[in-house]
């Protein structure tokens, strides 16, 4: 059994808010298979600082990184509609990012989507979802990643998804990251420094037990 310490940093107006949670897991930390949601993909394209800190975190113990065709489509939509990229520029940025981080794309299928829909129905019967308009698609993205490539760590900005995974008792560690465009470099660095230190400690503990 190993413990993980998750820190969320978010900006609300002029205030920086930090949320901390501790979880235990039987997952093997040096064999992490990571998944990325659409917003994290956008931030990786938009912020070099965010990109570097993600690189530092996944360079230690992460075996493979995955995302899905739906997540990529959502990321491109955000880049075009909210960040004013042309369709061609958004597509090129995404393709370059996939190559740079060796991110593997998988396609959704009916089986994965059905699992995601079951998760949605179960979770909404237990708690109020603040961002329900995006929640079903987020669950389908995560369900496809979990079912078909067995991700055990997932990077997202959505705290609802973290709550959902805890309720569902799915063996996935959620890493909630603050939106890069709304955080100064100091807060981003502090967030990833805390995450990375915790991961290293857990790794060394797991090595000693062998």
C-alpha atoms as a PDB file:
ATOM      1  CA  UNK A   1       0.000   0.000   0.000  1.00  0.00           C
ATOM      2  CA  UNK A   2       1.333   3.465  -0.858  1.00  0.00           C
ATOM      3  CA  UNK A   3       0.044   6.945  -0.123  1.00  0.00           C
ATOM      4  CA  UNK A   4      -0.257   9.830  -2.559  1.00  0.00           C
ATOM      5  CA  UNK A   5      -0.673  13.477  -1.775  1.00  0.00           C
ATOM      6  CA  UNK A   6      -2.730  15.489  -4.275  1.00  0.00           C
ATOM      7  CA  UNK A   7      -2.629  19.301  -4.341  1.00  0.00           C
ATOM      8  CA  UNK A   8      -4.986  21.414  -6.417  1.00  0.00           C
ATOM      9  CA  UNK A   9      -4.176  25.030  -7.130  1.00  0.00           C
ATOM     10  CA  UNK A  10      -6.860  27.292  -8.571  1.00  0.00           C
ATOM     11  CA  UNK A  11      -7.287  31.029  -8.952  1.00  0.00           C
ATOM     12  CA  UNK A  12     -10.588  32.690  -8.042  1.00  0.00           C
ATOM     13  CA  UNK A  13     -10.454  36.385  -8.869  1.00  0.00           C
ATOM     14  CA  UNK A  14      -7.430  37.795  -7.027  1.00  0.00           C
ATOM     15  CA  UNK A  15      -7.135  34.838  -4.669  1.00  0.00           C
ATOM     16  CA  UNK A  16      -5.161  31.627  -5.081  1.00  0.00           C
ATOM     17  CA  UNK A  17      -6.878  28.626  -3.510  1.00  0.00           C
ATOM     18  CA  UNK A  18      -5.106  25.388  -2.627  1.00  0.00           C
ATOM     19  CA  UNK A  19      -6.841  22.080  -1.913  1.00  0.00           C
ATOM     20  CA  UNK A  20      -5.054  19.053  -0.541  1.00  0.00           C
ATOM     21  CA  UNK A  21      -6.105  15.410  -0.336  1.00  0.00           C
ATOM     22  CA  UNK A  22      -4.314  12.212   0.645  1.00  0.00           C
ATOM     23  CA  UNK A  23      -5.123   8.807  -0.819  1.00  0.00           C
ATOM     24  CA  UNK A  24      -3.823   5.276  -0.527  1.00  0.00           C
ATOM     25  CA  UNK A  25      -3.322   2.958  -3.471  1.00  0.00           C
ATOM     26  CA  UNK A  26      -2.025  -0.505  -4.276  1.00  0.00           C
ATOM     27  CA  UNK A  27      -0.886   0.645  -7.731  1.00  0.00           C
ATOM     28  CA  UNK A  28       2.786   0.243  -8.654  1.00  0.00           C
ATOM     29  CA  UNK A  29       4.134   3.731  -8.965  1.00  0.00           C
ATOM     30  CA  UNK A  30       7.010   2.964 -11.368  1.00  0.00           C
ATOM     31  CA  UNK A  31       4.618   1.489 -13.929  1.00  0.00           C
ATOM     32  CA  UNK A  32       2.179   4.363 -14.285  1.00  0.00           C
ATOM     33  CA  UNK A  33       0.136   4.587 -17.458  1.00  0.00           C
ATOM     34  CA  UNK A  34      -1.114   8.144 -17.723  1.00  0.00           C
ATOM     35  CA  UNK A  35      -4.106   9.690 -19.447  1.00  0.00           C
ATOM     36  CA  UNK A  36      -4.610  13.354 -20.381  1.00  0.00           C
ATOM     37  CA  UNK A  37      -7.909  15.181 -20.712  1.00  0.00           C
ATOM     38  CA  UNK A  38      -8.693  17.876 -23.283  1.00  0.00           C
ATOM     39  CA  UNK A  39      -7.984  20.880 -21.055  1.00  0.00           C
ATOM     40  CA  UNK A  40      -4.576  19.560 -20.064  1.00  0.00           C
ATOM     41  CA  UNK A  41      -3.755  19.104 -23.759  1.00  0.00           C
ATOM     42  CA  UNK A  42      -4.715  22.732 -24.392  1.00  0.00           C
ATOM     43  CA  UNK A  43      -2.562  23.965 -21.510  1.00  0.00           C
ATOM     44  CA  UNK A  44       0.394  21.953 -22.767  1.00  0.00           C
ATOM     45  CA  UNK A  45       0.086  23.801 -26.071  1.00  0.00           C
ATOM     46  CA  UNK A  46      -0.516  27.221 -24.535  1.00  0.00           C
ATOM     47  CA  UNK A  47       2.038  27.314 -21.715  1.00  0.00           C
ATOM     48  CA  UNK A  48       5.715  26.395 -22.000  1.00  0.00           C
ATOM     49  CA  UNK A  49       5.980  26.583 -18.207  1.00  0.00           C
ATOM     50  CA  UNK A  50       3.132  24.134 -17.775  1.00  0.00           C
ATOM     51  CA  UNK A  51       4.639  21.878 -20.438  1.00  0.00           C
ATOM     52  CA  UNK A  52       7.998  21.764 -18.688  1.00  0.00           C
ATOM     53  CA  UNK A  53       6.453  20.904 -15.343  1.00  0.00           C
ATOM     54  CA  UNK A  54       4.311  18.159 -16.863  1.00  0.00           C
ATOM     55  CA  UNK A  55       7.442  16.822 -18.538  1.00  0.00           C
ATOM     56  CA  UNK A  56       9.238  16.727 -15.192  1.00  0.00           C
ATOM     57  CA  UNK A  57       6.409  14.843 -13.557  1.00  0.00           C
ATOM     58  CA  UNK A  58       5.824  12.232 -16.240  1.00  0.00           C
ATOM     59  CA  UNK A  59       9.531  11.645 -16.844  1.00  0.00           C
ATOM     60  CA  UNK A  60       9.696   9.805 -13.526  1.00  0.00           C
ATOM     61  CA  UNK A  61       7.813   6.516 -13.415  1.00  0.00           C
ATOM     62  CA  UNK A  62       5.352   7.010 -16.273  1.00  0.00           C
ATOM     63  CA  UNK A  63       5.576   4.220 -18.833  1.00  0.00           C
ATOM     64  CA  UNK A  64       3.137   5.477 -21.470  1.00  0.00           C
ATOM     65  CA  UNK A  65       0.836   8.474 -22.010  1.00  0.00           C
ATOM     66  CA  UNK A  66      -2.537   8.200 -23.719  1.00  0.00           C
ATOM     67  CA  UNK A  67      -5.428  10.373 -24.770  1.00  0.00           C
ATOM     68  CA  UNK A  68      -8.480   9.756 -26.972  1.00  0.00           C
ATOM     69  CA  UNK A  69      -9.837  10.965 -30.283  1.00  0.00           C
ATOM     70  CA  UNK A  70     -12.680  12.737 -28.450  1.00  0.00           C
ATOM     71  CA  UNK A  71     -10.303  14.506 -26.063  1.00  0.00           C
ATOM     72  CA  UNK A  72      -8.206  15.651 -29.014  1.00  0.00           C
ATOM     73  CA  UNK A  73     -11.313  16.914 -30.803  1.00  0.00           C
ATOM     74  CA  UNK A  74     -12.362  18.858 -27.717  1.00  0.00           C
ATOM     75  CA  UNK A  75      -8.867  20.319 -27.359  1.00  0.00           C
ATOM     76  CA  UNK A  76      -8.880  21.492 -30.974  1.00  0.00           C
ATOM     77  CA  UNK A  77     -12.341  23.020 -30.485  1.00  0.00           C
ATOM     78  CA  UNK A  78     -11.095  25.014 -27.479  1.00  0.00           C
ATOM     79  CA  UNK A  79      -8.023  26.215 -29.358  1.00  0.00           C
ATOM     80  CA  UNK A  80     -10.157  27.417 -32.277  1.00  0.00           C
ATOM     81  CA  UNK A  81     -13.171  28.844 -30.443  1.00  0.00           C
ATOM     82  CA  UNK A  82     -11.578  30.216 -27.279  1.00  0.00           C
ATOM     83  CA  UNK A  83      -7.908  30.747 -28.144  1.00  0.00           C
ATOM     84  CA  UNK A  84      -8.461  31.986 -31.724  1.00  0.00           C
ATOM     85  CA  UNK A  85      -6.285  29.447 -33.530  1.00  0.00           C
ATOM     86  CA  UNK A  86      -7.039  28.606 -37.144  1.00  0.00           C
ATOM     87  CA  UNK A  87      -8.129  25.018 -37.775  1.00  0.00           C
ATOM     88  CA  UNK A  88      -4.789  24.291 -39.452  1.00  0.00           C
ATOM     89  CA  UNK A  89      -2.703  25.821 -36.654  1.00  0.00           C
ATOM     90  CA  UNK A  90      -4.688  24.012 -33.961  1.00  0.00           C
ATOM     91  CA  UNK A  91      -4.302  20.698 -35.780  1.00  0.00           C
ATOM     92  CA  UNK A  92      -0.559  21.210 -36.251  1.00  0.00           C
ATOM     93  CA  UNK A  93      -0.050  22.191 -32.604  1.00  0.00           C
ATOM     94  CA  UNK A  94      -1.851  19.074 -31.441  1.00  0.00           C
ATOM     95  CA  UNK A  95       0.097  16.803 -33.779  1.00  0.00           C
ATOM     96  CA  UNK A  96       3.389  18.327 -32.640  1.00  0.00           C
ATOM     97  CA  UNK A  97       2.411  17.842 -29.003  1.00  0.00           C
ATOM     98  CA  UNK A  98       1.589  14.173 -29.563  1.00  0.00           C
ATOM     99  CA  UNK A  99       5.016  13.633 -31.116  1.00  0.00           C
ATOM    100  CA  UNK A 100       6.876  15.641 -28.481  1.00  0.00           C
ATOM    101  CA  UNK A 101       5.435  13.666 -25.554  1.00  0.00           C
ATOM    102  CA  UNK A 102       4.946  10.380 -27.409  1.00  0.00           C
ATOM    103  CA  UNK A 103       1.244  10.545 -26.573  1.00  0.00           C
ATOM    104  CA  UNK A 104      -0.722   7.632 -27.996  1.00  0.00           C
ATOM    105  CA  UNK A 105      -4.240   8.253 -29.293  1.00  0.00           C
ATOM    106  CA  UNK A 106      -6.965   5.658 -28.870  1.00  0.00           C
ATOM    107  CA  UNK A 107     -10.448   5.740 -30.386  1.00  0.00           C
ATOM    108  CA  UNK A 108     -13.610   5.519 -28.343  1.00  0.00           C
ATOM    109  CA  UNK A 109     -15.803   2.478 -28.894  1.00  0.00           C
ATOM    110  CA  UNK A 110     -19.253   1.412 -27.765  1.00  0.00           C
ATOM    111  CA  UNK A 111     -17.980  -0.692 -24.881  1.00  0.00           C
ATOM    112  CA  UNK A 112     -15.938   2.134 -23.380  1.00  0.00           C
ATOM    113  CA  UNK A 113     -18.688   4.689 -23.889  1.00  0.00           C
ATOM    114  CA  UNK A 114     -21.227   2.378 -22.247  1.00  0.00           C
ATOM    115  CA  UNK A 115     -18.997   2.060 -19.196  1.00  0.00           C
ATOM    116  CA  UNK A 116     -18.659   5.850 -19.066  1.00  0.00           C
ATOM    117  CA  UNK A 117     -22.429   6.274 -19.214  1.00  0.00           C
ATOM    118  CA  UNK A 118     -22.838   3.829 -16.331  1.00  0.00           C
ATOM    119  CA  UNK A 119     -20.356   5.859 -14.325  1.00  0.00           C
ATOM    120  CA  UNK A 120     -22.311   9.055 -15.042  1.00  0.00           C
ATOM    121  CA  UNK A 121     -25.614   7.545 -13.917  1.00  0.00           C
ATOM    122  CA  UNK A 122     -24.130   6.136 -10.741  1.00  0.00           C
ATOM    123  CA  UNK A 123     -22.233   9.272  -9.723  1.00  0.00           C
ATOM    124  CA  UNK A 124     -25.077  11.712 -10.396  1.00  0.00           C
ATOM    125  CA  UNK A 125     -27.258   9.618  -8.073  1.00  0.00           C
ATOM    126  CA  UNK A 126     -24.707  10.223  -5.301  1.00  0.00           C
ATOM    127  CA  UNK A 127     -23.532  13.825  -5.632  1.00  0.00           C
ATOM    128  CA  UNK A 128     -24.300  17.092  -7.374  1.00  0.00           C
ATOM    129  CA  UNK A 129     -22.009  17.598 -10.369  1.00  0.00           C
ATOM    130  CA  UNK A 130     -21.065  21.269 -10.706  1.00  0.00           C
ATOM    131  CA  UNK A 131     -20.065  21.111 -14.391  1.00  0.00           C
ATOM    132  CA  UNK A 132     -22.567  18.551 -15.614  1.00  0.00           C
ATOM    133  CA  UNK A 133     -22.548  19.829 -19.206  1.00  0.00           C
ATOM    134  CA  UNK A 134     -19.024  18.438 -19.693  1.00  0.00           C
ATOM    135  CA  UNK A 135     -19.139  15.623 -17.135  1.00  0.00           C
ATOM    136  CA  UNK A 136     -20.629  12.825 -19.326  1.00  0.00           C
ATOM    137  CA  UNK A 137     -18.026  13.289 -22.056  1.00  0.00           C
ATOM    138  CA  UNK A 138     -15.246  13.460 -19.463  1.00  0.00           C
ATOM    139  CA  UNK A 139     -16.444  10.158 -17.997  1.00  0.00           C
ATOM    140  CA  UNK A 140     -16.529   8.531 -21.428  1.00  0.00           C
ATOM    141  CA  UNK A 141     -12.980   9.712 -22.148  1.00  0.00           C
ATOM    142  CA  UNK A 142     -11.697   8.341 -18.858  1.00  0.00           C
ATOM    143  CA  UNK A 143     -13.680   5.087 -19.177  1.00  0.00           C
ATOM    144  CA  UNK A 144     -12.232   4.367 -22.621  1.00  0.00           C
ATOM    145  CA  UNK A 145      -8.716   5.019 -21.355  1.00  0.00           C
ATOM    146  CA  UNK A 146      -9.256   2.850 -18.308  1.00  0.00           C
ATOM    147  CA  UNK A 147     -10.935  -0.037 -20.114  1.00  0.00           C
ATOM    148  CA  UNK A 148      -8.722  -0.285 -23.174  1.00  0.00           C
ATOM    149  CA  UNK A 149      -5.250   0.836 -22.092  1.00  0.00           C
ATOM    150  CA  UNK A 150      -5.530   0.494 -18.298  1.00  0.00           C
ATOM    151  CA  UNK A 151      -4.499   4.022 -17.320  1.00  0.00           C
ATOM    152  CA  UNK A 152      -3.929   4.282 -13.580  1.00  0.00           C
ATOM    153  CA  UNK A 153      -3.201   8.006 -13.382  1.00  0.00           C
ATOM    154  CA  UNK A 154      -5.208  10.764 -15.048  1.00  0.00           C
ATOM    155  CA  UNK A 155      -4.388  14.450 -15.424  1.00  0.00           C
ATOM    156  CA  UNK A 156      -7.391  16.775 -15.442  1.00  0.00           C
ATOM    157  CA  UNK A 157      -8.593  20.189 -14.258  1.00  0.00           C
ATOM    158  CA  UNK A 158     -11.960  18.846 -13.109  1.00  0.00           C
ATOM    159  CA  UNK A 159     -12.473  18.234  -9.394  1.00  0.00           C
ATOM    160  CA  UNK A 160     -15.829  16.563 -10.147  1.00  0.00           C
ATOM    161  CA  UNK A 161     -13.943  13.790 -11.896  1.00  0.00           C
ATOM    162  CA  UNK A 162     -11.750  13.266  -8.855  1.00  0.00           C
ATOM    163  CA  UNK A 163     -14.864  12.928  -6.686  1.00  0.00           C
ATOM    164  CA  UNK A 164     -16.427  10.564  -9.209  1.00  0.00           C
ATOM    165  CA  UNK A 165     -13.434   8.213  -9.235  1.00  0.00           C
ATOM    166  CA  UNK A 166     -13.439   8.107  -5.439  1.00  0.00           C
ATOM    167  CA  UNK A 167     -17.168   7.265  -5.405  1.00  0.00           C
ATOM    168  CA  UNK A 168     -16.777   4.623  -8.108  1.00  0.00           C
ATOM    169  CA  UNK A 169     -13.718   3.166  -6.343  1.00  0.00           C
ATOM    170  CA  UNK A 170     -11.964   2.839  -9.689  1.00  0.00           C
ATOM    171  CA  UNK A 171      -8.203   2.183  -9.309  1.00  0.00           C
ATOM    172  CA  UNK A 172      -7.138   5.439 -10.962  1.00  0.00           C
ATOM    173  CA  UNK A 173      -5.194   8.227  -9.283  1.00  0.00           C
ATOM    174  CA  UNK A 174      -6.522  11.610 -10.335  1.00  0.00           C
ATOM    175  CA  UNK A 175      -4.108  14.528 -10.607  1.00  0.00           C
ATOM    176  CA  UNK A 176      -6.102  17.752 -10.598  1.00  0.00           C
ATOM    177  CA  UNK A 177      -4.036  20.575 -12.093  1.00  0.00           C
ATOM    178  CA  UNK A 178      -4.952  24.247 -12.104  1.00  0.00           C
ATOM    179  CA  UNK A 179      -5.580  25.910 -15.448  1.00  0.00           C
ATOM    180  CA  UNK A 180      -2.168  27.124 -16.593  1.00  0.00           C
ATOM    181  CA  UNK A 181      -3.460  30.348 -18.117  1.00  0.00           C
ATOM    182  CA  UNK A 182      -4.917  31.431 -14.755  1.00  0.00           C
ATOM    183  CA  UNK A 183      -1.947  30.684 -12.545  1.00  0.00           C
ATOM    184  CA  UNK A 184       1.348  32.461 -12.202  1.00  0.00           C
ATOM    185  CA  UNK A 185       4.576  30.551 -12.725  1.00  0.00           C
ATOM    186  CA  UNK A 186       5.353  30.403  -9.003  1.00  0.00           C
ATOM    187  CA  UNK A 187       2.108  28.582  -8.196  1.00  0.00           C
ATOM    188  CA  UNK A 188       2.525  26.136 -11.070  1.00  0.00           C
ATOM    189  CA  UNK A 189       6.079  25.345  -9.977  1.00  0.00           C
ATOM    190  CA  UNK A 190       5.008  24.890  -6.368  1.00  0.00           C
ATOM    191  CA  UNK A 191       2.194  22.540  -7.394  1.00  0.00           C
ATOM    192  CA  UNK A 192       4.435  20.291  -9.458  1.00  0.00           C
ATOM    193  CA  UNK A 193       7.243  20.421  -6.903  1.00  0.00           C
ATOM    194  CA  UNK A 194       4.861  19.109  -4.237  1.00  0.00           C
ATOM    195  CA  UNK A 195       3.511  16.400  -6.542  1.00  0.00           C
ATOM    196  CA  UNK A 196       6.964  15.299  -7.665  1.00  0.00           C
ATOM    197  CA  UNK A 197       8.371  15.112  -4.115  1.00  0.00           C
ATOM    198  CA  UNK A 198       5.458  12.951  -3.009  1.00  0.00           C
ATOM    199  CA  UNK A 199       5.860  10.627  -5.964  1.00  0.00           C
ATOM    200  CA  UNK A 200       9.583  10.176  -5.349  1.00  0.00           C
ATOM    201  CA  UNK A 201       8.968   9.357  -1.676  1.00  0.00           C
ATOM    202  CA  UNK A 202       6.348   6.753  -2.589  1.00  0.00           C
ATOM    203  CA  UNK A 203       8.662   5.244  -5.213  1.00  0.00           C
ATOM    204  CA  UNK A 204      11.564   4.846  -2.775  1.00  0.00           C
ATOM    205  CA  UNK A 205       9.270   3.311  -0.147  1.00  0.00           C
ATOM    206  CA  UNK A 206       8.031   0.750  -2.684  1.00  0.00           C
ATOM    207  CA  UNK A 207      11.642  -0.130  -3.597  1.00  0.00           C
ATOM    208  CA  UNK A 208      12.596  -0.688   0.048  1.00  0.00           C
ATOM    209  CA  UNK A 209       9.723  -3.145   0.567  1.00  0.00           C
ATOM    210  CA  UNK A 210      11.014  -5.457  -2.185  1.00  0.00           C
END
